[in-house]
Amino acid sequence: MKKSLPLKLAGVLAIFLAFFVLTHPAFAAAVDEALSNLNTSATGGYGPSGLISDIPSTIGKIVGVALAFIGVLFMGLLIYGGFSWMMARGNQQDVTKAKELIEAAVIGLIIVLAAYAITAYVGTVLSSKV
């Protein structure tokens, strides 16, 4: 019971300090400036109407999002393979499965990164010629 009292005091102190730091007027000005910059970049990136006007950039963004999602899936497989290896507890068959999963995930990540690099390069070349 005595050990939890310092933790509670530290939590209350952290909340108290966060309240006073986050409610400072300079912080409010920084938030307003950040929101203004976000609006400026959104207008510049997507145009004043909020829509993407040209088809190649739309396709490029869709491909980029898809590759990023697939990369996240492979990274999840990599983490799962590492976790499986740790939980194998010396069972050679489980260790072999985990190693194969990690190898497949690394190969998948390399393929996705190469595809992303090729897509980015081709997109840059095509957009510079337009």
N, C-alpha and C. Protein backbone atom coordinates (compact mmCIF):
# COMPACT_ATOMS: atom_id res chain seq x y z
N MET A 1 0.82 -1.19 0.00
CA MET A 1 0.00 0.00 0.00
C MET A 1 0.86 1.26 0.00
N LYS A 2 1.98 1.22 0.70
CA LYS A 2 2.84 2.40 0.77
C LYS A 2 3.56 2.65 -0.55
N LYS A 3 3.81 1.58 -1.32
CA LYS A 3 4.50 1.74 -2.58
C LYS A 3 3.64 2.46 -3.62
N SER A 4 2.33 2.34 -3.52
CA SER A 4 1.48 2.97 -4.52
C SER A 4 1.28 4.46 -4.24
N LEU A 5 1.53 4.92 -3.03
CA LEU A 5 1.35 6.34 -2.70
C LEU A 5 2.31 7.23 -3.51
N PRO A 6 3.61 6.91 -3.62
CA PRO A 6 4.47 7.76 -4.45
C PRO A 6 4.05 7.75 -5.92
N LEU A 7 3.56 6.62 -6.40
CA LEU A 7 3.09 6.57 -7.79
C LEU A 7 1.88 7.47 -7.99
N LYS A 8 0.97 7.45 -7.03
CA LYS A 8 -0.21 8.32 -7.13
C LYS A 8 0.19 9.78 -7.07
N LEU A 9 1.13 10.12 -6.20
CA LEU A 9 1.59 11.50 -6.11
C LEU A 9 2.28 11.93 -7.40
N ALA A 10 3.07 11.04 -7.98
CA ALA A 10 3.74 11.36 -9.24
C ALA A 10 2.71 11.56 -10.35
N GLY A 11 1.67 10.75 -10.38
CA GLY A 11 0.62 10.90 -11.38
C GLY A 11 -0.12 12.21 -11.24
N VAL A 12 -0.47 12.58 -10.00
CA VAL A 12 -1.17 13.84 -9.76
C VAL A 12 -0.27 15.01 -10.14
N LEU A 13 1.01 14.93 -9.80
CA LEU A 13 1.94 15.99 -10.15
C LEU A 13 2.09 16.12 -11.66
N ALA A 14 2.15 14.98 -12.36
CA ALA A 14 2.27 15.01 -13.83
C ALA A 14 1.03 15.64 -14.46
N ILE A 15 -0.15 15.30 -13.97
CA ILE A 15 -1.39 15.89 -14.49
C ILE A 15 -1.43 17.39 -14.21
N PHE A 16 -1.03 17.78 -13.01
CA PHE A 16 -1.00 19.19 -12.63
C PHE A 16 -0.06 19.98 -13.53
N LEU A 17 1.15 19.45 -13.75
CA LEU A 17 2.12 20.14 -14.59
C LEU A 17 1.66 20.17 -16.05
N ALA A 18 1.09 19.07 -16.51
CA ALA A 18 0.61 19.04 -17.89
C ALA A 18 -0.50 20.06 -18.10
N PHE A 19 -1.37 20.22 -17.12
CA PHE A 19 -2.46 21.20 -17.24
C PHE A 19 -1.90 22.60 -17.41
N PHE A 20 -0.92 22.95 -16.59
CA PHE A 20 -0.40 24.30 -16.66
C PHE A 20 0.51 24.52 -17.85
N VAL A 21 1.20 23.47 -18.30
CA VAL A 21 2.05 23.62 -19.48
C VAL A 21 1.19 23.70 -20.74
N LEU A 22 0.17 22.86 -20.82
CA LEU A 22 -0.64 22.82 -22.04
C LEU A 22 -1.62 23.97 -22.15
N THR A 23 -1.93 24.64 -21.07
CA THR A 23 -2.87 25.75 -21.14
C THR A 23 -2.17 27.10 -21.22
N HIS A 24 -0.88 27.09 -21.42
CA HIS A 24 -0.13 28.33 -21.52
C HIS A 24 -0.53 29.04 -22.82
N PRO A 25 -0.64 30.38 -22.83
CA PRO A 25 -1.05 31.11 -24.04
C PRO A 25 -0.11 30.89 -25.23
N ALA A 26 1.17 30.71 -24.97
CA ALA A 26 2.10 30.46 -26.08
C ALA A 26 1.78 29.14 -26.75
N PHE A 27 1.34 28.17 -25.99
CA PHE A 27 0.98 26.88 -26.56
C PHE A 27 -0.23 27.04 -27.47
N ALA A 28 -1.20 27.85 -27.06
CA ALA A 28 -2.38 28.08 -27.88
C ALA A 28 -1.99 28.75 -29.21
N ALA A 29 -1.05 29.67 -29.15
CA ALA A 29 -0.59 30.33 -30.37
C ALA A 29 0.13 29.33 -31.28
N ALA A 30 0.89 28.43 -30.69
CA ALA A 30 1.59 27.43 -31.48
C ALA A 30 0.60 26.48 -32.15
N VAL A 31 -0.46 26.13 -31.44
CA VAL A 31 -1.48 25.26 -32.01
C VAL A 31 -2.18 25.96 -33.17
N ASP A 32 -2.50 27.24 -33.01
CA ASP A 32 -3.13 27.99 -34.11
C ASP A 32 -2.21 28.06 -35.33
N GLU A 33 -0.92 28.28 -35.10
CA GLU A 33 0.04 28.33 -36.20
C GLU A 33 0.15 26.96 -36.89
N ALA A 34 0.17 25.90 -36.10
CA ALA A 34 0.27 24.55 -36.68
C ALA A 34 -0.96 24.24 -37.52
N LEU A 35 -2.14 24.58 -37.03
CA LEU A 35 -3.36 24.34 -37.80
C LEU A 35 -3.38 25.15 -39.08
N SER A 36 -2.88 26.38 -39.01
CA SER A 36 -2.81 27.21 -40.20
C SER A 36 -1.86 26.59 -41.23
N ASN A 37 -0.72 26.08 -40.76
CA ASN A 37 0.24 25.44 -41.67
C ASN A 37 -0.34 24.16 -42.27
N LEU A 38 -1.10 23.41 -41.48
CA LEU A 38 -1.74 22.20 -42.00
C LEU A 38 -2.75 22.55 -43.09
N ASN A 39 -3.53 23.59 -42.87
CA ASN A 39 -4.49 24.01 -43.89
C ASN A 39 -3.77 24.46 -45.16
N THR A 40 -2.66 25.16 -45.02
CA THR A 40 -1.89 25.60 -46.17
C THR A 40 -1.35 24.42 -46.96
N SER A 41 -0.80 23.43 -46.25
CA SER A 41 -0.25 22.27 -46.95
C SER A 41 -1.35 21.42 -47.57
N ALA A 42 -2.50 21.34 -46.93
CA ALA A 42 -3.61 20.58 -47.51
C ALA A 42 -4.11 21.26 -48.77
N THR A 43 -4.20 22.57 -48.74
CA THR A 43 -4.63 23.30 -49.93
C THR A 43 -3.62 23.15 -51.05
N GLY A 44 -2.34 23.19 -50.71
CA GLY A 44 -1.30 23.03 -51.73
C GLY A 44 -1.26 21.63 -52.29
N GLY A 45 -1.47 20.62 -51.46
CA GLY A 45 -1.38 19.24 -51.91
C GLY A 45 -2.61 18.76 -52.63
N TYR A 46 -3.76 19.17 -52.19
CA TYR A 46 -5.00 18.66 -52.77
C TYR A 46 -5.77 19.70 -53.56
N GLY A 47 -5.26 20.89 -53.63
CA GLY A 47 -5.93 21.94 -54.37
C GLY A 47 -6.97 22.62 -53.51
N PRO A 48 -7.42 23.79 -53.93
CA PRO A 48 -8.36 24.55 -53.12
C PRO A 48 -9.71 23.87 -52.96
N SER A 49 -10.07 23.00 -53.89
CA SER A 49 -11.38 22.35 -53.77
C SER A 49 -11.32 21.14 -52.86
N GLY A 50 -10.11 20.71 -52.46
CA GLY A 50 -9.98 19.56 -51.60
C GLY A 50 -9.93 18.25 -52.35
N LEU A 51 -9.97 18.28 -53.67
CA LEU A 51 -9.94 17.07 -54.47
C LEU A 51 -8.63 16.99 -55.24
N ILE A 52 -8.21 15.79 -55.50
CA ILE A 52 -7.01 15.61 -56.31
C ILE A 52 -7.44 15.74 -57.77
N SER A 53 -6.79 16.63 -58.49
CA SER A 53 -7.28 16.95 -59.83
C SER A 53 -6.75 16.02 -60.91
N ASP A 54 -5.54 15.50 -60.77
CA ASP A 54 -5.02 14.69 -61.86
C ASP A 54 -4.97 13.21 -61.48
N ILE A 55 -5.20 12.38 -62.45
CA ILE A 55 -5.31 10.93 -62.24
C ILE A 55 -3.97 10.29 -61.88
N PRO A 56 -2.84 10.63 -62.50
CA PRO A 56 -1.58 9.97 -62.13
C PRO A 56 -1.21 10.14 -60.66
N SER A 57 -1.41 11.34 -60.12
CA SER A 57 -1.07 11.52 -58.71
C SER A 57 -2.04 10.74 -57.82
N THR A 58 -3.29 10.61 -58.24
CA THR A 58 -4.25 9.81 -57.47
C THR A 58 -3.83 8.35 -57.46
N ILE A 59 -3.46 7.83 -58.60
CA ILE A 59 -3.01 6.44 -58.69
C ILE A 59 -1.73 6.25 -57.87
N GLY A 60 -0.83 7.21 -57.95
CA GLY A 60 0.41 7.12 -57.17
C GLY A 60 0.15 7.11 -55.68
N LYS A 61 -0.78 7.93 -55.23
CA LYS A 61 -1.10 7.95 -53.81
C LYS A 61 -1.77 6.65 -53.37
N ILE A 62 -2.63 6.09 -54.22
CA ILE A 62 -3.28 4.81 -53.89
C ILE A 62 -2.24 3.69 -53.80
N VAL A 63 -1.32 3.67 -54.77
CA VAL A 63 -0.27 2.65 -54.75
C VAL A 63 0.62 2.82 -53.52
N GLY A 64 0.95 4.06 -53.18
CA GLY A 64 1.76 4.32 -51.99
C GLY A 64 1.09 3.85 -50.72
N VAL A 65 -0.20 4.11 -50.60
CA VAL A 65 -0.94 3.67 -49.42
C VAL A 65 -1.01 2.15 -49.37
N ALA A 66 -1.25 1.52 -50.52
CA ALA A 66 -1.33 0.06 -50.55
C ALA A 66 0.01 -0.57 -50.18
N LEU A 67 1.11 -0.03 -50.71
CA LEU A 67 2.42 -0.56 -50.36
C LEU A 67 2.76 -0.34 -48.90
N ALA A 68 2.36 0.79 -48.36
CA ALA A 68 2.60 1.04 -46.94
C ALA A 68 1.82 0.06 -46.08
N PHE A 69 0.58 -0.22 -46.46
CA PHE A 69 -0.23 -1.18 -45.71
C PHE A 69 0.38 -2.58 -45.77
N ILE A 70 0.82 -2.98 -46.95
CA ILE A 70 1.44 -4.30 -47.09
C ILE A 70 2.74 -4.36 -46.29
N GLY A 71 3.49 -3.27 -46.29
CA GLY A 71 4.71 -3.22 -45.48
C GLY A 71 4.42 -3.38 -44.00
N VAL A 72 3.33 -2.77 -43.53
CA VAL A 72 2.94 -2.92 -42.13
C VAL A 72 2.56 -4.37 -41.84
N LEU A 73 1.89 -5.02 -42.79
CA LEU A 73 1.55 -6.44 -42.60
C LEU A 73 2.80 -7.30 -42.48
N PHE A 74 3.78 -7.07 -43.36
CA PHE A 74 5.01 -7.84 -43.28
C PHE A 74 5.78 -7.55 -41.99
N MET A 75 5.73 -6.30 -41.54
CA MET A 75 6.40 -5.98 -40.28
C MET A 75 5.70 -6.70 -39.12
N GLY A 76 4.38 -6.79 -39.17
CA GLY A 76 3.64 -7.54 -38.16
C GLY A 76 4.02 -9.02 -38.18
N LEU A 77 4.18 -9.58 -39.38
CA LEU A 77 4.62 -10.97 -39.49
C LEU A 77 6.01 -11.16 -38.92
N LEU A 78 6.88 -10.18 -39.13
CA LEU A 78 8.23 -10.24 -38.59
C LEU A 78 8.20 -10.25 -37.06
N ILE A 79 7.39 -9.40 -36.49
CA ILE A 79 7.26 -9.35 -35.03
C ILE A 79 6.65 -10.64 -34.51
N TYR A 80 5.63 -11.16 -35.20
CA TYR A 80 5.01 -12.41 -34.79
C TYR A 80 6.02 -13.57 -34.85
N GLY A 81 6.84 -13.59 -35.90
CA GLY A 81 7.86 -14.63 -36.01
C GLY A 81 8.87 -14.56 -34.88
N GLY A 82 9.28 -13.35 -34.52
CA GLY A 82 10.20 -13.19 -33.39
C GLY A 82 9.57 -13.62 -32.08
N PHE A 83 8.31 -13.28 -31.90
CA PHE A 83 7.59 -13.69 -30.69
C PHE A 83 7.45 -15.21 -30.64
N SER A 84 7.16 -15.82 -31.79
CA SER A 84 7.03 -17.28 -31.85
C SER A 84 8.36 -17.95 -31.52
N TRP A 85 9.44 -17.36 -31.99
CA TRP A 85 10.75 -17.93 -31.71
C TRP A 85 11.06 -17.85 -30.22
N MET A 86 10.72 -16.72 -29.61
CA MET A 86 10.95 -16.59 -28.17
C MET A 86 10.11 -17.58 -27.37
N MET A 87 8.91 -17.84 -27.84
CA MET A 87 8.01 -18.72 -27.11
C MET A 87 8.20 -20.21 -27.46
N ALA A 88 9.15 -20.52 -28.35
CA ALA A 88 9.37 -21.91 -28.76
C ALA A 88 9.93 -22.74 -27.61
N ARG A 89 10.65 -22.12 -26.70
CA ARG A 89 11.21 -22.79 -25.51
C ARG A 89 12.07 -24.00 -25.89
N GLY A 90 12.86 -23.85 -26.92
CA GLY A 90 13.80 -24.90 -27.29
C GLY A 90 13.22 -25.98 -28.19
N ASN A 91 11.94 -25.94 -28.49
CA ASN A 91 11.34 -26.91 -29.40
C ASN A 91 11.84 -26.62 -30.81
N GLN A 92 12.64 -27.52 -31.34
CA GLN A 92 13.33 -27.28 -32.61
C GLN A 92 12.36 -27.10 -33.77
N GLN A 93 11.24 -27.80 -33.75
CA GLN A 93 10.25 -27.67 -34.83
C GLN A 93 9.62 -26.28 -34.82
N ASP A 94 9.29 -25.75 -33.64
CA ASP A 94 8.72 -24.40 -33.55
C ASP A 94 9.74 -23.33 -33.92
N VAL A 95 11.00 -23.56 -33.54
CA VAL A 95 12.05 -22.61 -33.89
C VAL A 95 12.23 -22.56 -35.41
N THR A 96 12.18 -23.72 -36.06
CA THR A 96 12.31 -23.77 -37.51
C THR A 96 11.16 -23.04 -38.20
N LYS A 97 9.94 -23.23 -37.70
CA LYS A 97 8.78 -22.51 -38.27
C LYS A 97 8.94 -21.00 -38.10
N ALA A 98 9.40 -20.60 -36.91
CA ALA A 98 9.57 -19.17 -36.66
C ALA A 98 10.65 -18.58 -37.56
N LYS A 99 11.76 -19.31 -37.75
CA LYS A 99 12.82 -18.82 -38.63
C LYS A 99 12.32 -18.67 -40.07
N GLU A 100 11.55 -19.66 -40.53
CA GLU A 100 11.01 -19.59 -41.88
C GLU A 100 10.06 -18.41 -42.03
N LEU A 101 9.26 -18.15 -41.00
CA LEU A 101 8.34 -17.01 -41.03
C LEU A 101 9.11 -15.70 -41.07
N ILE A 102 10.16 -15.60 -40.28
CA ILE A 102 10.97 -14.38 -40.26
C ILE A 102 11.65 -14.17 -41.62
N GLU A 103 12.19 -15.25 -42.19
CA GLU A 103 12.83 -15.13 -43.50
C GLU A 103 11.83 -14.68 -44.56
N ALA A 104 10.64 -15.26 -44.54
CA ALA A 104 9.62 -14.87 -45.52
C ALA A 104 9.20 -13.42 -45.32
N ALA A 105 9.09 -12.99 -44.08
CA ALA A 105 8.69 -11.60 -43.81
C ALA A 105 9.77 -10.63 -44.26
N VAL A 106 11.03 -10.97 -44.03
CA VAL A 106 12.12 -10.09 -44.48
C VAL A 106 12.15 -10.01 -46.00
N ILE A 107 11.98 -11.13 -46.67
CA ILE A 107 11.94 -11.12 -48.15
C ILE A 107 10.76 -10.28 -48.63
N GLY A 108 9.61 -10.43 -47.97
CA GLY A 108 8.45 -9.62 -48.33
C GLY A 108 8.69 -8.14 -48.13
N LEU A 109 9.34 -7.78 -47.01
CA LEU A 109 9.66 -6.36 -46.77
C LEU A 109 10.61 -5.82 -47.83
N ILE A 110 11.59 -6.63 -48.22
CA ILE A 110 12.53 -6.18 -49.27
C ILE A 110 11.79 -5.96 -50.58
N ILE A 111 10.89 -6.87 -50.93
CA ILE A 111 10.11 -6.73 -52.17
C ILE A 111 9.24 -5.48 -52.12
N VAL A 112 8.58 -5.26 -50.98
CA VAL A 112 7.70 -4.08 -50.85
C VAL A 112 8.52 -2.80 -50.91
N LEU A 113 9.67 -2.76 -50.24
CA LEU A 113 10.51 -1.56 -50.30
C LEU A 113 11.01 -1.31 -51.72
N ALA A 114 11.38 -2.38 -52.43
CA ALA A 114 11.83 -2.22 -53.81
C ALA A 114 10.68 -1.71 -54.69
N ALA A 115 9.49 -2.26 -54.49
CA ALA A 115 8.34 -1.80 -55.27
C ALA A 115 8.03 -0.34 -54.98
N TYR A 116 8.14 0.04 -53.72
CA TYR A 116 7.89 1.44 -53.36
C TYR A 116 8.94 2.36 -53.99
N ALA A 117 10.21 1.93 -53.96
CA ALA A 117 11.27 2.74 -54.54
C ALA A 117 11.08 2.88 -56.05
N ILE A 118 10.72 1.79 -56.71
CA ILE A 118 10.49 1.85 -58.16
C ILE A 118 9.29 2.76 -58.48
N THR A 119 8.22 2.63 -57.69
CA THR A 119 7.04 3.46 -57.91
C THR A 119 7.37 4.93 -57.71
N ALA A 120 8.13 5.24 -56.65
CA ALA A 120 8.49 6.63 -56.39
C ALA A 120 9.36 7.18 -57.51
N TYR A 121 10.30 6.38 -58.00
CA TYR A 121 11.18 6.82 -59.09
C TYR A 121 10.39 7.06 -60.37
N VAL A 122 9.55 6.10 -60.73
CA VAL A 122 8.75 6.24 -61.95
C VAL A 122 7.80 7.44 -61.83
N GLY A 123 7.21 7.61 -60.66
CA GLY A 123 6.32 8.76 -60.46
C GLY A 123 7.05 10.07 -60.58
N THR A 124 8.28 10.12 -60.08
CA THR A 124 9.07 11.35 -60.19
C THR A 124 9.45 11.63 -61.65
N VAL A 125 9.83 10.59 -62.36
CA VAL A 125 10.20 10.77 -63.76
C VAL A 125 8.99 11.20 -64.58
N LEU A 126 7.85 10.56 -64.37
CA LEU A 126 6.65 10.92 -65.13
C LEU A 126 6.15 12.32 -64.79
N SER A 127 6.21 12.69 -63.52
CA SER A 127 5.72 14.02 -63.15
C SER A 127 6.65 15.11 -63.63
N SER A 128 7.95 14.84 -63.80
CA SER A 128 8.86 15.86 -64.28
C SER A 128 8.71 16.07 -65.79
N LYS A 129 8.23 15.07 -66.50
CA LYS A 129 8.06 15.20 -67.96
C LYS A 129 6.71 15.80 -68.34
N VAL A 130 5.79 15.85 -67.39
CA VAL A 130 4.46 16.37 -67.71
C VAL A 130 4.45 17.84 -67.72
